[in-house]
Amino acid sequence: MAWVICVAREDGGALAPLRLVRGIEVAEKDLLVWIRGSGNDEKIERLLRSLPAVARYELSSGNRLRNIELRIPSETLPALDWQPLNKWLRVQMSSSSLSHFSHDDKGFGTVHVRIVRSAEERPIDLLVTNLAEWREFALNAAEIRLRHLRFAADATGDVVVRGKPLPPLPGRQFVLHGNIAVQAGFAWEPAVSAEVLSRRLGLGADVLALLWEDGTFSRIEAEQFVPATRSAVRETAEGFVTK
């Protein structure tokens, strides 16, 4: 069965859990994001049901749309510029997630925070590396090394890896304080709690902030992280080759 779903443009980030599903396409028109695909896989259907949909349709011949709340087709699918979902998401991430996963300005709202050197030693929780290094590691490492890792990639090929133990790859290391991560060897001043800083940054419970040494910060939505399987890494790398 072919289907079409509309979501508000501001809810586009909710599509991230579908990024590795083949065959799903996306297009934008006015203030809506249109998503189309086919099939009746139960796992995918559960993900589709969780979307904050403005409308849900069954697509039939002649591009006719039947709203699932009605018995007969009553609309026609508009002419749109469709593209693969994973390609569209990379473009969205470049402007609203990470540094290229979305950098925000210095100052952090009304709390004027400075990033300063710190002698405190803490375990490393996150690694920011590049896609080429990550792909080489993931495709050759034993599966047990990947089992506890998750990753998010942005449009420029930067990758954030989280989990334990982290891979021994070149990159920038981060220490987690709640849902705020600061580069290893740095801290923020004034030393307000992570909870206070999180509120000042306007972070939701499912949003991670990376604080960089230049005083900027980046945001990653929880759903942008996917399990570090070989297939997921390969799919991500192939997307960059073909975009």
Protein backbone atom coordinates (compact mmCIF):
# COMPACT_ATOMS: atom_id res chain seq x y z
CA MET A 1 0.00 0.00 0.00
CA ALA A 2 1.31 3.46 -0.93
CA TRP A 3 0.88 6.17 1.69
CA VAL A 4 1.42 9.91 2.10
CA ILE A 5 1.74 11.86 5.36
CA CYS A 6 1.93 15.61 5.95
CA VAL A 7 3.62 17.19 8.96
CA ALA A 8 4.22 20.83 9.86
CA ARG A 9 7.65 22.06 8.79
CA GLU A 10 8.63 22.76 12.41
CA ASP A 11 7.99 19.08 13.20
CA GLY A 12 10.34 17.86 10.47
CA GLY A 13 12.86 16.64 13.04
CA ALA A 14 10.37 13.95 14.06
CA LEU A 15 11.22 12.13 10.81
CA ALA A 16 14.74 11.27 12.02
CA PRO A 17 13.85 7.73 13.24
CA LEU A 18 12.89 6.90 9.62
CA ARG A 19 16.20 8.03 8.11
CA LEU A 20 17.50 4.48 7.45
CA VAL A 21 14.25 3.18 5.93
CA ARG A 22 14.74 2.74 2.20
CA GLY A 23 12.25 4.14 -0.26
CA ILE A 24 10.87 7.03 1.80
CA GLU A 25 10.85 10.39 0.04
CA VAL A 26 10.21 13.93 1.27
CA ALA A 27 9.15 17.22 -0.28
CA GLU A 28 8.34 20.67 1.10
CA LYS A 29 5.52 23.00 0.09
CA ASP A 30 4.50 26.16 1.92
CA LEU A 31 4.55 25.28 5.64
CA LEU A 32 4.20 21.52 5.19
CA VAL A 33 6.57 18.59 4.78
CA TRP A 34 5.15 15.77 2.65
CA ILE A 35 6.39 12.21 3.16
CA ARG A 36 5.61 9.25 0.89
CA GLY A 37 6.43 5.57 0.82
CA SER A 38 4.89 2.13 0.49
CA GLY A 39 4.64 -1.20 2.29
CA ASN A 40 3.04 -2.51 5.45
CA ASP A 41 5.99 -3.38 7.70
CA GLU A 42 4.66 -3.29 11.27
CA LYS A 43 7.80 -1.68 12.73
CA ILE A 44 7.68 1.11 10.15
CA GLU A 45 3.95 1.54 10.68
CA ARG A 46 4.53 2.08 14.40
CA LEU A 47 7.04 4.83 13.59
CA LEU A 48 4.60 6.41 11.15
CA ARG A 49 1.80 6.36 13.72
CA SER A 50 4.04 8.24 16.15
CA LEU A 51 4.53 11.18 13.75
CA PRO A 52 2.72 14.45 14.60
CA ALA A 53 0.77 14.26 11.34
CA VAL A 54 -1.37 17.09 9.99
CA ALA A 55 -2.97 14.59 7.59
CA ARG A 56 -2.56 10.93 6.58
CA TYR A 57 -3.49 9.54 3.17
CA GLU A 58 -3.63 6.40 1.09
CA LEU A 59 -2.19 7.03 -2.38
CA SER A 60 -3.93 5.43 -5.36
CA SER A 61 -3.57 5.53 -9.16
CA GLY A 62 -3.61 8.94 -10.78
CA ASN A 63 -1.97 10.41 -7.65
CA ARG A 64 -5.34 10.45 -5.94
CA LEU A 65 -5.29 10.85 -2.16
CA ARG A 66 -7.77 9.31 0.24
CA ASN A 67 -7.67 10.82 3.69
CA ILE A 68 -7.72 7.83 6.04
CA GLU A 69 -10.64 9.43 7.86
CA LEU A 70 -12.75 9.34 4.66
CA ARG A 71 -14.08 6.53 2.50
CA ILE A 72 -13.25 7.80 -0.97
CA PRO A 73 -10.38 9.78 -2.55
CA SER A 74 -11.05 13.50 -2.42
CA GLU A 75 -7.68 15.15 -3.14
CA THR A 76 -4.81 14.94 -5.62
CA LEU A 77 -1.15 14.79 -4.66
CA PRO A 78 0.41 18.11 -5.73
CA ALA A 79 3.43 18.26 -8.01
CA LEU A 80 6.41 18.37 -5.65
CA ASP A 81 10.20 18.18 -5.78
CA TRP A 82 10.82 14.85 -4.03
CA GLN A 83 14.13 13.70 -2.56
CA PRO A 84 15.27 10.77 -0.39
CA LEU A 85 14.52 11.27 3.31
CA ASN A 86 18.10 10.68 4.48
CA LYS A 87 19.40 13.36 2.08
CA TRP A 88 16.73 15.85 3.20
CA LEU A 89 17.49 15.19 6.88
CA ARG A 90 21.20 15.89 6.38
CA VAL A 91 20.34 19.33 5.01
CA GLN A 92 18.03 20.00 7.97
CA MET A 93 20.67 18.84 10.47
CA SER A 94 23.24 21.20 9.00
CA SER A 95 21.15 24.18 10.07
CA SER A 96 19.37 22.99 13.19
CA SER A 97 21.33 20.30 14.98
CA LEU A 98 25.04 19.96 15.41
CA SER A 99 27.49 22.76 14.82
CA HIS A 100 27.25 22.06 11.42
CA PHE A 101 24.98 20.21 13.86
CA SER A 102 23.96 23.94 14.52
CA HIS A 103 26.21 26.43 16.27
CA ASP A 104 24.46 29.02 18.40
CA ASP A 105 25.91 32.35 19.45
CA LYS A 106 27.98 33.05 22.54
CA GLY A 107 26.32 34.22 25.71
CA PHE A 108 23.83 31.43 26.34
CA GLY A 109 20.83 33.66 26.90
CA THR A 110 20.93 35.76 30.06
CA VAL A 111 23.78 33.77 31.62
CA HIS A 112 27.05 35.01 30.10
CA VAL A 113 29.10 31.85 30.19
CA ARG A 114 32.79 31.59 29.37
CA ILE A 115 34.53 28.38 28.42
CA VAL A 116 37.82 28.09 30.32
CA ARG A 117 40.61 25.59 30.75
CA SER A 118 40.12 23.01 33.50
CA ALA A 119 42.53 20.65 35.26
CA GLU A 120 39.71 18.33 36.37
CA GLU A 121 39.96 14.86 34.85
CA ARG A 122 36.74 13.05 34.00
CA PRO A 123 35.90 10.04 31.83
CA ILE A 124 35.29 10.79 28.15
CA ASP A 125 31.68 10.26 27.06
CA LEU A 126 31.48 11.54 23.47
CA LEU A 127 33.72 11.70 20.43
CA VAL A 128 33.37 14.04 17.45
CA THR A 129 35.24 12.57 14.48
CA ASN A 130 34.87 12.50 10.69
CA LEU A 131 32.77 10.11 8.65
CA ALA A 132 35.71 8.53 6.82
CA GLU A 133 37.45 7.53 10.08
CA TRP A 134 34.18 6.35 11.62
CA ARG A 135 33.23 4.26 8.57
CA GLU A 136 36.64 2.58 8.44
CA PHE A 137 36.41 1.67 12.12
CA ALA A 138 32.77 0.52 12.08
CA LEU A 139 33.07 -1.68 9.01
CA ASN A 140 36.12 -3.50 10.35
CA ALA A 141 35.51 -3.65 14.12
CA ALA A 142 34.04 -6.70 15.82
CA GLU A 143 30.28 -6.35 16.30
CA ILE A 144 30.72 -6.48 20.08
CA ARG A 145 32.69 -3.19 19.82
CA LEU A 146 29.72 -1.51 18.12
CA ARG A 147 26.97 -2.96 20.29
CA HIS A 148 26.94 -0.17 22.89
CA LEU A 149 27.60 2.76 20.54
CA ARG A 150 25.24 5.23 18.84
CA PHE A 151 26.08 7.94 16.34
CA ALA A 152 24.74 11.04 14.58
CA ALA A 153 26.13 12.50 11.35
CA ASP A 154 25.70 15.98 9.91
CA ALA A 155 25.72 17.36 6.36
CA THR A 156 29.48 18.11 6.36
CA GLY A 157 30.58 14.62 7.40
CA ASP A 158 31.16 15.24 11.10
CA VAL A 159 30.05 12.36 13.33
CA VAL A 160 29.26 12.35 17.04
CA VAL A 161 29.73 8.95 18.70
CA ARG A 162 28.48 8.15 22.18
CA GLY A 163 28.70 5.04 24.36
CA LYS A 164 31.39 3.00 26.08
CA PRO A 165 34.04 2.14 25.17
CA LEU A 166 34.51 4.85 22.56
CA PRO A 167 36.55 3.98 19.47
CA PRO A 168 40.24 5.02 19.40
CA LEU A 169 39.79 7.55 16.59
CA PRO A 170 41.17 11.06 16.08
CA GLY A 171 38.76 13.86 16.92
CA ARG A 172 37.49 16.04 19.74
CA GLN A 173 36.50 14.44 23.04
CA PHE A 174 33.65 15.58 25.30
CA VAL A 175 32.60 15.01 28.91
CA LEU A 176 28.90 14.80 29.77
CA HIS A 177 27.25 16.74 32.59
CA GLY A 178 23.60 15.74 32.38
CA ASN A 179 22.53 16.70 28.87
CA ILE A 180 25.41 19.15 28.42
CA ALA A 181 28.77 18.05 27.06
CA VAL A 182 31.90 20.19 27.26
CA GLN A 183 35.18 19.55 25.47
CA ALA A 184 37.61 17.56 27.58
CA GLY A 185 40.00 19.86 29.43
CA PHE A 186 37.48 22.70 29.61
CA ALA A 187 34.70 23.88 31.92
CA TRP A 188 32.18 26.72 31.99
CA GLU A 189 32.21 29.83 34.17
CA PRO A 190 30.37 30.81 36.26
CA ALA A 191 30.11 27.25 37.56
CA VAL A 192 26.31 27.06 37.62
CA SER A 193 24.86 23.57 37.70
CA ALA A 194 24.26 21.67 34.49
CA GLU A 195 20.52 21.80 35.25
CA VAL A 196 20.54 25.61 35.48
CA LEU A 197 22.61 25.94 32.31
CA SER A 198 20.34 23.51 30.49
CA ARG A 199 17.30 25.62 31.35
CA ARG A 200 19.08 28.80 30.27
CA LEU A 201 19.94 27.17 26.95
CA GLY A 202 16.32 26.18 26.49
CA LEU A 203 17.16 22.50 26.15
CA GLY A 204 14.44 19.88 26.25
CA ALA A 205 14.95 16.58 28.05
CA ASP A 206 15.82 14.89 24.74
CA VAL A 207 18.27 17.51 23.49
CA LEU A 208 22.03 17.32 23.95
CA ALA A 209 24.21 20.45 23.86
CA LEU A 210 27.90 20.40 22.96
CA LEU A 211 29.88 23.34 24.38
CA TRP A 212 32.88 24.27 22.27
CA GLU A 213 36.02 26.00 23.46
CA ASP A 214 35.23 29.12 21.40
CA GLY A 215 32.10 29.73 23.52
CA THR A 216 29.54 28.52 20.98
CA PHE A 217 27.31 25.52 21.47
CA SER A 218 25.62 22.92 19.30
CA ARG A 219 22.38 20.99 19.67
CA ILE A 220 21.60 17.36 18.86
CA GLU A 221 18.11 15.89 19.14
CA ALA A 222 18.00 12.45 20.75
CA GLU A 223 16.35 10.88 17.70
CA GLN A 224 19.31 11.88 15.52
CA PHE A 225 21.40 9.19 17.23
CA VAL A 226 21.05 5.74 15.68
CA PRO A 227 22.55 2.39 16.72
CA ALA A 228 26.08 1.86 15.40
CA THR A 229 25.37 -1.10 13.15
CA ARG A 230 27.45 -1.73 10.05
CA SER A 231 24.38 -1.30 7.88
CA ALA A 232 23.56 2.10 9.45
CA VAL A 233 27.14 3.34 8.99
CA ARG A 234 27.28 2.03 5.42
CA GLU A 235 23.93 3.66 4.60
CA THR A 236 25.12 6.99 6.00
CA ALA A 237 28.40 6.86 4.07
CA GLU A 238 26.66 5.88 0.82
CA GLY A 239 24.31 8.83 1.22
CA PHE A 240 27.26 11.22 1.20
CA VAL A 241 28.74 9.60 -1.89
CA THR A 242 25.50 9.91 -3.86
CA LYS A 243 24.24 13.30 -2.66
